[in-house]
Amino acid sequence: MRNSRSVQKLNKTIIYVLLGFFSIVSLLPLYWVFSTSMQLSSYQDEELERSVSYVDSNPPKMYPMGIPEYFEHWGKAREADKNGDVKEEEYHREVMDNIVSDTFSGFTTLFQKNNIGRWFLNSTYIAVIVTIGILLIDSMAGYVLAKKQFPGRNLIFWSIIATMMIPGQVTLVPLFMMVKNLGIMDTHYALIFPDLAMVFGVFLMRQFMYSIPDELLDAAKIDGASEWKTYWKIVLPLAKPGLAALGIFTFMSVWNSFLWPIIVLNDANLYTLPVGLKSLQDANLASFKLLMSGAAIAAVPMIIVFIMFQRHFIKGLTLGGVKE
């Protein structure tokens, strides 16, 4: 009995160690983005007697290099203060200020010399509008396909699912022609309207709606609730985990969308954040510090959204798969 428990504890320990290791590995690219965005791009190395850039160093530095240099000069400034050497102290204080300024220079450049604030706002409100639209439309479609009996229900559902097998690149040209004929090219409508419904969302919500007991819907009908009231007051609250999962998927997809926005947008003031960052690369050749600063800013909303809804997200993934 003791051996069995010991084996179970050992297995759990091994599993947790492996999960921890792979979690760290999966987070390394994200950490590298934030670290590179705060690397020193210009630092006068006294030993090498030349200016060095830690952004382009090979192998790459995995932590902001301004930290050790800052504290090195901070210690020298304190020592100069004790010795009464005012000029030496002022020199080290100036170097410390330059290190801080250079560390965050990528972020200051983005906000002072580029339209990243406008791009960030564009991406935010487009992602929010599309996410709300998909949650509403796909949840209604999923509710009907899961709980309503009508001829051809399964045929309609599988016809919708079949469109998932069509690569997105195939639909680019016809979608472009539709947007052009509607006269909404180079507007945000071209980004919002084509994405207001998602096949995967219909599938996810339809599968999740099966977990809602039919007895609750029948009780609502007996109490005289209308179809809309039943959907709004009963179905949606019970479907919160599924809605959270779909909302996170949708928000991340729209936020990171690049190909379609760069096709339909020409005005720099209408750019979304991914397209705007691409224009920075064209204008500044290969300024990795600037690009990583932009990538760090773009990653923050997705991280916040996931942290806020992770409990519902995980529950939605685990409870959504039920048999018909």
C-alpha atoms as a PDB file:
ATOM      1  CA  MET A   1       0.000   0.000   0.000  1.00  0.00           C
ATOM      2  CA  ARG A   2       2.816   2.346   0.918  1.00  0.00           C
ATOM      3  CA  ASN A   3       4.676   1.436  -2.267  1.00  0.00           C
ATOM      4  CA  SER A   4       1.582   2.237  -4.323  1.00  0.00           C
ATOM      5  CA  ARG A   5       1.229   5.656  -2.704  1.00  0.00           C
ATOM      6  CA  SER A   6       4.930   6.342  -3.146  1.00  0.00           C
ATOM      7  CA  VAL A   7       4.689   5.483  -6.823  1.00  0.00           C
ATOM      8  CA  GLN A   8       1.677   7.784  -7.233  1.00  0.00           C
ATOM      9  CA  LYS A   9       3.481  10.666  -5.512  1.00  0.00           C
ATOM     10  CA  LEU A  10       6.547  10.066  -7.672  1.00  0.00           C
ATOM     11  CA  ASN A  11       4.431  10.055 -10.832  1.00  0.00           C
ATOM     12  CA  LYS A  12       2.705  13.288  -9.800  1.00  0.00           C
ATOM     13  CA  THR A  13       6.049  14.896  -9.036  1.00  0.00           C
ATOM     14  CA  ILE A  14       7.433  13.907 -12.433  1.00  0.00           C
ATOM     15  CA  ILE A  15       4.301  15.207 -14.180  1.00  0.00           C
ATOM     16  CA  TYR A  16       4.451  18.541 -12.338  1.00  0.00           C
ATOM     17  CA  VAL A  17       8.153  18.923 -13.089  1.00  0.00           C
ATOM     18  CA  LEU A  18       7.575  18.229 -16.786  1.00  0.00           C
ATOM     19  CA  LEU A  19       4.598  20.595 -16.911  1.00  0.00           C
ATOM     20  CA  GLY A  20       6.629  23.288 -15.176  1.00  0.00           C
ATOM     21  CA  PHE A  21       9.514  22.801 -17.588  1.00  0.00           C
ATOM     22  CA  PHE A  22       7.322  23.014 -20.693  1.00  0.00           C
ATOM     23  CA  SER A  23       5.498  26.044 -19.237  1.00  0.00           C
ATOM     24  CA  ILE A  24       8.808  27.858 -18.853  1.00  0.00           C
ATOM     25  CA  VAL A  25       9.854  26.876 -22.367  1.00  0.00           C
ATOM     26  CA  SER A  26       6.543  28.103 -23.816  1.00  0.00           C
ATOM     27  CA  LEU A  27       6.879  31.446 -21.996  1.00  0.00           C
ATOM     28  CA  LEU A  28      10.477  32.062 -23.107  1.00  0.00           C
ATOM     29  CA  PRO A  29       9.524  33.741 -26.444  1.00  0.00           C
ATOM     30  CA  LEU A  30       7.169  36.120 -24.632  1.00  0.00           C
ATOM     31  CA  TYR A  31       9.829  36.886 -22.036  1.00  0.00           C
ATOM     32  CA  TRP A  32      12.388  37.466 -24.803  1.00  0.00           C
ATOM     33  CA  VAL A  33      10.062  39.986 -26.456  1.00  0.00           C
ATOM     34  CA  PHE A  34       9.727  42.041 -23.260  1.00  0.00           C
ATOM     35  CA  SER A  35      13.433  41.666 -22.478  1.00  0.00           C
ATOM     36  CA  THR A  36      14.564  42.796 -25.949  1.00  0.00           C
ATOM     37  CA  SER A  37      12.189  45.777 -25.827  1.00  0.00           C
ATOM     38  CA  MET A  38      14.154  47.058 -22.809  1.00  0.00           C
ATOM     39  CA  GLN A  39      17.698  46.276 -23.938  1.00  0.00           C
ATOM     40  CA  LEU A  40      20.270  49.036 -24.185  1.00  0.00           C
ATOM     41  CA  SER A  41      20.687  50.142 -27.788  1.00  0.00           C
ATOM     42  CA  SER A  42      23.622  52.442 -27.061  1.00  0.00           C
ATOM     43  CA  TYR A  43      25.989  52.053 -24.129  1.00  0.00           C
ATOM     44  CA  GLN A  44      29.564  53.248 -23.769  1.00  0.00           C
ATOM     45  CA  ASP A  45      31.570  50.251 -22.553  1.00  0.00           C
ATOM     46  CA  GLU A  46      34.646  51.500 -20.698  1.00  0.00           C
ATOM     47  CA  GLU A  47      36.485  48.181 -21.023  1.00  0.00           C
ATOM     48  CA  LEU A  48      35.908  47.886 -24.764  1.00  0.00           C
ATOM     49  CA  GLU A  49      36.291  51.661 -25.178  1.00  0.00           C
ATOM     50  CA  ARG A  50      33.452  51.782 -27.662  1.00  0.00           C
ATOM     51  CA  SER A  51      29.689  52.047 -27.810  1.00  0.00           C
ATOM     52  CA  VAL A  52      27.931  48.664 -27.780  1.00  0.00           C
ATOM     53  CA  SER A  53      24.348  47.628 -28.533  1.00  0.00           C
ATOM     54  CA  TYR A  54      22.902  44.791 -26.494  1.00  0.00           C
ATOM     55  CA  VAL A  55      19.855  44.553 -28.785  1.00  0.00           C
ATOM     56  CA  ASP A  56      21.905  43.041 -31.634  1.00  0.00           C
ATOM     57  CA  SER A  57      24.149  40.917 -29.414  1.00  0.00           C
ATOM     58  CA  ASN A  58      24.737  37.293 -30.336  1.00  0.00           C
ATOM     59  CA  PRO A  59      23.808  35.192 -28.448  1.00  0.00           C
ATOM     60  CA  PRO A  60      20.877  37.368 -27.371  1.00  0.00           C
ATOM     61  CA  LYS A  61      20.794  38.679 -23.819  1.00  0.00           C
ATOM     62  CA  MET A  62      17.924  37.161 -21.876  1.00  0.00           C
ATOM     63  CA  TYR A  63      17.520  39.969 -19.357  1.00  0.00           C
ATOM     64  CA  PRO A  64      17.464  43.774 -19.667  1.00  0.00           C
ATOM     65  CA  MET A  65      21.153  44.654 -19.745  1.00  0.00           C
ATOM     66  CA  GLY A  66      20.559  48.112 -18.310  1.00  0.00           C
ATOM     67  CA  ILE A  67      19.978  46.634 -14.832  1.00  0.00           C
ATOM     68  CA  PRO A  68      23.592  45.684 -13.947  1.00  0.00           C
ATOM     69  CA  GLU A  69      25.008  48.812 -15.575  1.00  0.00           C
ATOM     70  CA  TYR A  70      22.541  51.007 -13.690  1.00  0.00           C
ATOM     71  CA  PHE A  71      23.443  49.547 -10.297  1.00  0.00           C
ATOM     72  CA  GLU A  72      27.149  49.618 -11.179  1.00  0.00           C
ATOM     73  CA  HIS A  73      27.016  53.374 -11.755  1.00  0.00           C
ATOM     74  CA  TRP A  74      24.710  53.796  -8.772  1.00  0.00           C
ATOM     75  CA  GLY A  75      27.373  52.231  -6.545  1.00  0.00           C
ATOM     76  CA  LYS A  76      30.088  54.415  -8.077  1.00  0.00           C
ATOM     77  CA  ALA A  77      27.924  57.515  -7.569  1.00  0.00           C
ATOM     78  CA  ARG A  78      27.502  56.684  -3.876  1.00  0.00           C
ATOM     79  CA  GLU A  79      31.202  56.099  -3.514  1.00  0.00           C
ATOM     80  CA  ALA A  80      31.971  59.432  -5.214  1.00  0.00           C
ATOM     81  CA  ASP A  81      29.465  61.130  -2.915  1.00  0.00           C
ATOM     82  CA  LYS A  82      31.263  59.734   0.127  1.00  0.00           C
ATOM     83  CA  ASN A  83      34.607  60.919  -1.224  1.00  0.00           C
ATOM     84  CA  GLY A  84      33.209  64.369  -1.964  1.00  0.00           C
ATOM     85  CA  ASP A  85      33.956  64.087  -5.698  1.00  0.00           C
ATOM     86  CA  VAL A  86      31.066  66.122  -7.098  1.00  0.00           C
ATOM     87  CA  LYS A  87      32.070  65.847 -10.778  1.00  0.00           C
ATOM     88  CA  GLU A  88      32.467  62.078 -10.583  1.00  0.00           C
ATOM     89  CA  GLU A  89      29.089  61.749  -8.881  1.00  0.00           C
ATOM     90  CA  GLU A  90      27.385  63.965 -11.483  1.00  0.00           C
ATOM     91  CA  TYR A  91      28.945  61.891 -14.261  1.00  0.00           C
ATOM     92  CA  HIS A  92      27.599  58.611 -12.893  1.00  0.00           C
ATOM     93  CA  ARG A  93      24.182  60.157 -12.200  1.00  0.00           C
ATOM     94  CA  GLU A  94      24.039  61.328 -15.813  1.00  0.00           C
ATOM     95  CA  VAL A  95      24.974  57.852 -17.056  1.00  0.00           C
ATOM     96  CA  MET A  96      22.196  56.357 -14.889  1.00  0.00           C
ATOM     97  CA  ASP A  97      19.667  58.767 -16.409  1.00  0.00           C
ATOM     98  CA  ASN A  98      20.887  57.849 -19.909  1.00  0.00           C
ATOM     99  CA  ILE A  99      20.528  54.133 -19.115  1.00  0.00           C
ATOM    100  CA  VAL A 100      16.923  54.601 -17.937  1.00  0.00           C
ATOM    101  CA  SER A 101      16.125  56.764 -20.964  1.00  0.00           C
ATOM    102  CA  ASP A 102      17.664  54.292 -23.408  1.00  0.00           C
ATOM    103  CA  THR A 103      16.008  51.293 -21.740  1.00  0.00           C
ATOM    104  CA  PHE A 104      12.537  52.676 -22.436  1.00  0.00           C
ATOM    105  CA  SER A 105      13.462  54.541 -25.629  1.00  0.00           C
ATOM    106  CA  GLY A 106      11.570  52.033 -27.794  1.00  0.00           C
ATOM    107  CA  PHE A 107       8.289  52.786 -26.025  1.00  0.00           C
ATOM    108  CA  THR A 108       8.815  56.552 -25.993  1.00  0.00           C
ATOM    109  CA  THR A 109       9.687  56.538 -29.707  1.00  0.00           C
ATOM    110  CA  LEU A 110       6.548  54.568 -30.536  1.00  0.00           C
ATOM    111  CA  PHE A 111       4.243  56.990 -28.744  1.00  0.00           C
ATOM    112  CA  GLN A 112       6.023  60.231 -29.621  1.00  0.00           C
ATOM    113  CA  LYS A 113       6.983  59.693 -33.260  1.00  0.00           C
ATOM    114  CA  ASN A 114       4.405  57.158 -34.470  1.00  0.00           C
ATOM    115  CA  ASN A 115       0.640  56.608 -34.449  1.00  0.00           C
ATOM    116  CA  ILE A 116       0.759  53.575 -32.204  1.00  0.00           C
ATOM    117  CA  GLY A 117      -1.811  55.107 -29.855  1.00  0.00           C
ATOM    118  CA  ARG A 118      -4.244  55.417 -32.778  1.00  0.00           C
ATOM    119  CA  TRP A 119      -3.420  51.895 -34.003  1.00  0.00           C
ATOM    120  CA  PHE A 120      -3.919  50.500 -30.521  1.00  0.00           C
ATOM    121  CA  LEU A 121      -7.318  52.201 -30.253  1.00  0.00           C
ATOM    122  CA  ASN A 122      -8.320  50.932 -33.717  1.00  0.00           C
ATOM    123  CA  SER A 123      -7.419  47.336 -32.838  1.00  0.00           C
ATOM    124  CA  THR A 124      -9.169  47.588 -29.478  1.00  0.00           C
ATOM    125  CA  TYR A 125     -12.547  48.811 -30.628  1.00  0.00           C
ATOM    126  CA  ILE A 126     -12.579  46.564 -33.722  1.00  0.00           C
ATOM    127  CA  ALA A 127     -11.730  43.510 -31.619  1.00  0.00           C
ATOM    128  CA  VAL A 128     -14.377  44.422 -29.029  1.00  0.00           C
ATOM    129  CA  ILE A 129     -17.128  45.028 -31.615  1.00  0.00           C
ATOM    130  CA  VAL A 130     -16.362  41.827 -33.538  1.00  0.00           C
ATOM    131  CA  THR A 131     -16.156  39.785 -30.336  1.00  0.00           C
ATOM    132  CA  ILE A 132     -19.531  41.056 -29.104  1.00  0.00           C
ATOM    133  CA  GLY A 133     -21.095  40.426 -32.521  1.00  0.00           C
ATOM    134  CA  ILE A 134     -19.758  36.881 -32.727  1.00  0.00           C
ATOM    135  CA  LEU A 135     -20.835  36.059 -29.173  1.00  0.00           C
ATOM    136  CA  LEU A 136     -24.375  37.237 -29.930  1.00  0.00           C
ATOM    137  CA  ILE A 137     -24.825  35.789 -33.421  1.00  0.00           C
ATOM    138  CA  ASP A 138     -23.002  32.488 -32.868  1.00  0.00           C
ATOM    139  CA  SER A 139     -24.706  31.863 -29.534  1.00  0.00           C
ATOM    140  CA  MET A 140     -28.122  32.356 -31.158  1.00  0.00           C
ATOM    141  CA  ALA A 141     -27.165  30.027 -34.002  1.00  0.00           C
ATOM    142  CA  GLY A 142     -25.799  27.458 -31.569  1.00  0.00           C
ATOM    143  CA  TYR A 143     -28.947  27.655 -29.453  1.00  0.00           C
ATOM    144  CA  VAL A 144     -31.225  27.073 -32.429  1.00  0.00           C
ATOM    145  CA  LEU A 145     -29.139  24.195 -33.820  1.00  0.00           C
ATOM    146  CA  ALA A 146     -28.888  22.518 -30.416  1.00  0.00           C
ATOM    147  CA  LYS A 147     -32.339  22.993 -28.894  1.00  0.00           C
ATOM    148  CA  LYS A 148     -34.803  23.542 -31.718  1.00  0.00           C
ATOM    149  CA  GLN A 149     -36.282  20.734 -33.778  1.00  0.00           C
ATOM    150  CA  PHE A 150     -36.938  21.547 -37.445  1.00  0.00           C
ATOM    151  CA  PRO A 151     -36.479  19.782 -40.795  1.00  0.00           C
ATOM    152  CA  GLY A 152     -32.944  19.884 -42.160  1.00  0.00           C
ATOM    153  CA  ARG A 153     -31.356  20.952 -38.869  1.00  0.00           C
ATOM    154  CA  ASN A 154     -28.466  18.494 -39.082  1.00  0.00           C
ATOM    155  CA  LEU A 155     -27.984  19.177 -42.802  1.00  0.00           C
ATOM    156  CA  ILE A 156     -27.670  22.910 -42.102  1.00  0.00           C
ATOM    157  CA  PHE A 157     -25.246  22.290 -39.253  1.00  0.00           C
ATOM    158  CA  TRP A 158     -22.969  19.990 -41.250  1.00  0.00           C
ATOM    159  CA  SER A 159     -23.109  22.355 -44.217  1.00  0.00           C
ATOM    160  CA  ILE A 160     -21.854  25.120 -41.951  1.00  0.00           C
ATOM    161  CA  ILE A 161     -19.139  22.870 -40.510  1.00  0.00           C
ATOM    162  CA  ALA A 162     -18.042  21.862 -44.038  1.00  0.00           C
ATOM    163  CA  THR A 163     -17.011  25.450 -44.744  1.00  0.00           C
ATOM    164  CA  MET A 164     -14.267  25.065 -42.117  1.00  0.00           C
ATOM    165  CA  MET A 165     -12.411  22.875 -44.609  1.00  0.00           C
ATOM    166  CA  ILE A 166     -12.108  25.753 -47.081  1.00  0.00           C
ATOM    167  CA  PRO A 167      -8.758  27.565 -46.650  1.00  0.00           C
ATOM    168  CA  GLY A 168      -9.104  31.242 -45.843  1.00  0.00           C
ATOM    169  CA  GLN A 169      -6.812  32.176 -48.741  1.00  0.00           C
ATOM    170  CA  VAL A 170      -9.376  30.791 -51.190  1.00  0.00           C
ATOM    171  CA  THR A 171     -12.031  33.251 -50.034  1.00  0.00           C
ATOM    172  CA  LEU A 172      -9.772  36.331 -50.081  1.00  0.00           C
ATOM    173  CA  VAL A 173     -10.474  37.324 -53.700  1.00  0.00           C
ATOM    174  CA  PRO A 174     -14.294  36.948 -53.631  1.00  0.00           C
ATOM    175  CA  LEU A 175     -14.408  38.647 -50.227  1.00  0.00           C
ATOM    176  CA  PHE A 176     -12.259  41.475 -51.567  1.00  0.00           C
ATOM    177  CA  MET A 177     -14.613  41.917 -54.556  1.00  0.00           C
ATOM    178  CA  MET A 178     -17.647  42.000 -52.250  1.00  0.00           C
ATOM    179  CA  VAL A 179     -16.059  44.631 -50.019  1.00  0.00           C
ATOM    180  CA  LYS A 180     -15.068  46.693 -53.062  1.00  0.00           C
ATOM    181  CA  ASN A 181     -18.560  46.513 -54.585  1.00  0.00           C
ATOM    182  CA  LEU A 182     -20.087  47.575 -51.265  1.00  0.00           C
ATOM    183  CA  GLY A 183     -17.859  50.661 -51.258  1.00  0.00           C
ATOM    184  CA  ILE A 184     -16.330  50.033 -47.840  1.00  0.00           C
ATOM    185  CA  MET A 185     -12.715  49.598 -48.938  1.00  0.00           C
ATOM    186  CA  ASP A 186     -10.208  51.421 -46.737  1.00  0.00           C
ATOM    187  CA  THR A 187     -12.684  51.638 -43.856  1.00  0.00           C
ATOM    188  CA  HIS A 188     -13.044  49.718 -40.615  1.00  0.00           C
ATOM    189  CA  TYR A 189     -16.361  48.352 -41.863  1.00  0.00           C
ATOM    190  CA  ALA A 190     -14.324  46.082 -44.141  1.00  0.00           C
ATOM    191  CA  LEU A 191     -12.762  44.551 -41.036  1.00  0.00           C
ATOM    192  CA  ILE A 192     -15.908  44.324 -38.922  1.00  0.00           C
ATOM    193  CA  PHE A 193     -18.676  43.053 -41.214  1.00  0.00           C
ATOM    194  CA  PRO A 194     -16.903  39.973 -42.702  1.00  0.00           C
ATOM    195  CA  ASP A 195     -15.994  38.746 -39.188  1.00  0.00           C
ATOM    196  CA  LEU A 196     -19.343  39.167 -37.429  1.00  0.00           C
ATOM    197  CA  ALA A 197     -19.972  35.408 -37.577  1.00  0.00           C
ATOM    198  CA  MET A 198     -17.528  32.547 -37.212  1.00  0.00           C
ATOM    199  CA  VAL A 199     -18.084  28.912 -38.113  1.00  0.00           C
ATOM    200  CA  PHE A 200     -15.977  27.650 -35.231  1.00  0.00           C
ATOM    201  CA  GLY A 201     -18.084  29.783 -32.872  1.00  0.00           C
ATOM    202  CA  VAL A 202     -21.298  28.200 -34.146  1.00  0.00           C
ATOM    203  CA  PHE A 203     -19.800  24.751 -33.645  1.00  0.00           C
ATOM    204  CA  LEU A 204     -18.499  25.538 -30.146  1.00  0.00           C
ATOM    205  CA  MET A 205     -21.736  27.111 -28.934  1.00  0.00           C
ATOM    206  CA  ARG A 206     -23.889  24.391 -30.465  1.00  0.00           C
ATOM    207  CA  GLN A 207     -21.898  21.712 -28.670  1.00  0.00           C
ATOM    208  CA  PHE A 208     -21.972  23.643 -25.412  1.00  0.00           C
ATOM    209  CA  MET A 209     -25.729  24.257 -25.600  1.00  0.00           C
ATOM    210  CA  TYR A 210     -26.301  20.511 -25.371  1.00  0.00           C
ATOM    211  CA  SER A 211     -25.150  20.667 -21.741  1.00  0.00           C
ATOM    212  CA  ILE A 212     -28.127  22.915 -20.855  1.00  0.00           C
ATOM    213  CA  PRO A 213     -31.021  20.765 -19.522  1.00  0.00           C
ATOM    214  CA  ASP A 214     -34.148  20.837 -21.663  1.00  0.00           C
ATOM    215  CA  GLU A 215     -36.239  20.874 -18.469  1.00  0.00           C
ATOM    216  CA  LEU A 216     -35.141  24.445 -17.739  1.00  0.00           C
ATOM    217  CA  LEU A 217     -36.298  25.609 -21.159  1.00  0.00           C
ATOM    218  CA  ASP A 218     -39.612  23.756 -20.787  1.00  0.00           C
ATOM    219  CA  ALA A 219     -40.128  25.361 -17.369  1.00  0.00           C
ATOM    220  CA  ALA A 220     -39.546  28.792 -18.887  1.00  0.00           C
ATOM    221  CA  LYS A 221     -42.170  28.111 -21.553  1.00  0.00           C
ATOM    222  CA  ILE A 222     -44.673  26.985 -18.920  1.00  0.00           C
ATOM    223  CA  ASP A 223     -44.038  30.230 -17.015  1.00  0.00           C
ATOM    224  CA  GLY A 224     -44.883  32.168 -20.166  1.00  0.00           C
ATOM    225  CA  ALA A 225     -41.391  33.344 -21.088  1.00  0.00           C
ATOM    226  CA  SER A 226     -40.959  34.395 -24.694  1.00  0.00           C
ATOM    227  CA  GLU A 227     -38.317  32.835 -26.936  1.00  0.00           C
ATOM    228  CA  TRP A 228     -36.058  35.872 -26.623  1.00  0.00           C
ATOM    229  CA  LYS A 229     -36.482  36.035 -22.830  1.00  0.00           C
ATOM    230  CA  THR A 230     -35.656  32.340 -22.528  1.00  0.00           C
ATOM    231  CA  TYR A 231     -32.527  32.825 -24.577  1.00  0.00           C
ATOM    232  CA  TRP A 232     -31.451  36.031 -22.800  1.00  0.00           C
ATOM    233  CA  LYS A 233     -32.344  35.161 -19.197  1.00  0.00           C
ATOM    234  CA  ILE A 234     -31.686  31.418 -19.080  1.00  0.00           C
ATOM    235  CA  VAL A 235     -29.536  30.209 -21.955  1.00  0.00           C
ATOM    236  CA  LEU A 236     -26.889  32.957 -21.972  1.00  0.00           C
ATOM    237  CA  PRO A 237     -26.197  32.929 -18.193  1.00  0.00           C
ATOM    238  CA  LEU A 238     -25.786  29.139 -18.272  1.00  0.00           C
ATOM    239  CA  ALA A 239     -23.507  29.411 -21.318  1.00  0.00           C
ATOM    240  CA  LYS A 240     -21.027  31.830 -19.702  1.00  0.00           C
ATOM    241  CA  PRO A 241     -18.084  29.361 -19.747  1.00  0.00           C
ATOM    242  CA  GLY A 242     -18.603  28.648 -23.443  1.00  0.00           C
ATOM    243  CA  LEU A 243     -19.035  32.336 -24.212  1.00  0.00           C
ATOM    244  CA  ALA A 244     -15.832  33.135 -22.327  1.00  0.00           C
ATOM    245  CA  ALA A 245     -13.871  30.530 -24.300  1.00  0.00           C
ATOM    246  CA  LEU A 246     -15.286  31.772 -27.603  1.00  0.00           C
ATOM    247  CA  GLY A 247     -14.715  35.404 -26.598  1.00  0.00           C
ATOM    248  CA  ILE A 248     -11.025  34.800 -25.849  1.00  0.00           C
ATOM    249  CA  PHE A 249     -10.507  32.894 -29.102  1.00  0.00           C
ATOM    250  CA  THR A 250     -12.257  35.633 -31.078  1.00  0.00           C
ATOM    251  CA  PHE A 251     -10.513  38.554 -29.404  1.00  0.00           C
ATOM    252  CA  MET A 252      -7.079  36.993 -29.925  1.00  0.00           C
ATOM    253  CA  SER A 253      -7.855  36.138 -33.545  1.00  0.00           C
ATOM    254  CA  VAL A 254      -9.112  39.631 -34.425  1.00  0.00           C
ATOM    255  CA  TRP A 255      -6.372  41.363 -32.429  1.00  0.00           C
ATOM    256  CA  ASN A 256      -3.628  39.421 -34.248  1.00  0.00           C
ATOM    257  CA  SER A 257      -5.253  39.593 -37.686  1.00  0.00           C
ATOM    258  CA  PHE A 258      -2.759  40.842 -40.259  1.00  0.00           C
ATOM    259  CA  LEU A 259      -3.391  39.568 -43.787  1.00  0.00           C
ATOM    260  CA  TRP A 260      -6.929  40.885 -44.324  1.00  0.00           C
ATOM    261  CA  PRO A 261      -6.346  44.337 -42.728  1.00  0.00           C
ATOM    262  CA  ILE A 262      -3.208  44.949 -44.781  1.00  0.00           C
ATOM    263  CA  ILE A 263      -5.185  44.114 -47.957  1.00  0.00           C
ATOM    264  CA  VAL A 264      -8.151  46.438 -47.385  1.00  0.00           C
ATOM    265  CA  LEU A 265      -6.497  49.337 -45.505  1.00  0.00           C
ATOM    266  CA  ASN A 266      -4.354  52.034 -47.114  1.00  0.00           C
ATOM    267  CA  ASP A 267      -4.774  54.983 -44.736  1.00  0.00           C
ATOM    268  CA  ALA A 268      -2.123  54.867 -41.993  1.00  0.00           C
ATOM    269  CA  ASN A 269      -4.596  56.388 -39.510  1.00  0.00           C
ATOM    270  CA  LEU A 270      -6.876  53.371 -39.986  1.00  0.00           C
ATOM    271  CA  TYR A 271      -4.182  50.754 -39.448  1.00  0.00           C
ATOM    272  CA  THR A 272      -4.610  48.136 -36.769  1.00  0.00           C
ATOM    273  CA  LEU A 273      -1.677  47.410 -34.477  1.00  0.00           C
ATOM    274  CA  PRO A 274      -0.159  44.448 -36.424  1.00  0.00           C
ATOM    275  CA  VAL A 275      -0.300  46.396 -39.703  1.00  0.00           C
ATOM    276  CA  GLY A 276       1.121  49.476 -38.016  1.00  0.00           C
ATOM    277  CA  LEU A 277       4.045  47.491 -36.615  1.00  0.00           C
ATOM    278  CA  LYS A 278       4.758  46.164 -40.091  1.00  0.00           C
ATOM    279  CA  SER A 279       4.909  49.731 -41.391  1.00  0.00           C
ATOM    280  CA  LEU A 280       7.441  50.530 -38.663  1.00  0.00           C
ATOM    281  CA  GLN A 281       9.643  47.746 -39.928  1.00  0.00           C
ATOM    282  CA  ASP A 282       9.520  49.190 -43.426  1.00  0.00           C
ATOM    283  CA  ALA A 283      10.314  52.701 -42.210  1.00  0.00           C
ATOM    284  CA  ASN A 284      13.085  51.747 -39.795  1.00  0.00           C
ATOM    285  CA  LEU A 285      14.520  48.739 -41.666  1.00  0.00           C
ATOM    286  CA  ALA A 286      15.337  46.293 -38.856  1.00  0.00           C
ATOM    287  CA  SER A 287      14.972  48.191 -35.578  1.00  0.00           C
ATOM    288  CA  PHE A 288      14.446  45.148 -33.381  1.00  0.00           C
ATOM    289  CA  LYS A 289      14.133  47.175 -30.194  1.00  0.00           C
ATOM    290  CA  LEU A 290      11.330  49.249 -31.710  1.00  0.00           C
ATOM    291  CA  LEU A 291       9.547  46.193 -33.112  1.00  0.00           C
ATOM    292  CA  MET A 292       9.817  44.281 -29.844  1.00  0.00           C
ATOM    293  CA  SER A 293       8.515  47.298 -27.953  1.00  0.00           C
ATOM    294  CA  GLY A 294       5.484  47.313 -30.226  1.00  0.00           C
ATOM    295  CA  ALA A 295       5.058  43.552 -29.854  1.00  0.00           C
ATOM    296  CA  ALA A 296       5.204  43.913 -26.068  1.00  0.00           C
ATOM    297  CA  ILE A 297       2.469  46.550 -26.173  1.00  0.00           C
ATOM    298  CA  ALA A 298       0.370  44.335 -28.465  1.00  0.00           C
ATOM    299  CA  ALA A 299       0.728  41.349 -26.112  1.00  0.00           C
ATOM    300  CA  VAL A 300      -0.519  43.162 -22.998  1.00  0.00           C
ATOM    301  CA  PRO A 301      -4.288  43.256 -23.876  1.00  0.00           C
ATOM    302  CA  MET A 302      -4.341  39.546 -24.752  1.00  0.00           C
ATOM    303  CA  ILE A 303      -2.636  38.674 -21.472  1.00  0.00           C
ATOM    304  CA  ILE A 304      -5.119  40.815 -19.528  1.00  0.00           C
ATOM    305  CA  VAL A 305      -8.144  39.298 -21.314  1.00  0.00           C
ATOM    306  CA  PHE A 306      -6.940  35.753 -20.663  1.00  0.00           C
ATOM    307  CA  ILE A 307      -6.203  36.427 -16.974  1.00  0.00           C
ATOM    308  CA  MET A 308      -9.649  37.987 -16.493  1.00  0.00           C
ATOM    309  CA  PHE A 309     -11.549  35.122 -18.108  1.00  0.00           C
ATOM    310  CA  GLN A 310      -9.239  32.129 -17.632  1.00  0.00           C
ATOM    311  CA  ARG A 311     -11.542  30.419 -15.118  1.00  0.00           C
ATOM    312  CA  HIS A 312     -14.497  30.515 -17.515  1.00  0.00           C
ATOM    313  CA  PHE A 313     -12.185  29.697 -20.423  1.00  0.00           C
ATOM    314  CA  ILE A 314     -10.927  26.440 -18.885  1.00  0.00           C
ATOM    315  CA  LYS A 315     -14.429  25.473 -17.764  1.00  0.00           C
ATOM    316  CA  GLY A 316     -15.768  26.158 -21.251  1.00  0.00           C
ATOM    317  CA  LEU A 317     -13.180  23.871 -22.835  1.00  0.00           C
ATOM    318  CA  THR A 318     -13.860  21.017 -20.429  1.00  0.00           C
ATOM    319  CA  LEU A 319     -17.684  21.185 -20.448  1.00  0.00           C
ATOM    320  CA  GLY A 320     -18.335  21.964 -24.102  1.00  0.00           C
ATOM    321  CA  GLY A 321     -17.917  18.486 -25.551  1.00  0.00           C
ATOM    322  CA  VAL A 322     -21.095  16.490 -25.025  1.00  0.00           C
ATOM    323  CA  LYS A 323     -22.675  13.899 -27.257  1.00  0.00           C
ATOM    324  CA  GLU A 324     -25.835  14.601 -29.162  1.00  0.00           C
END
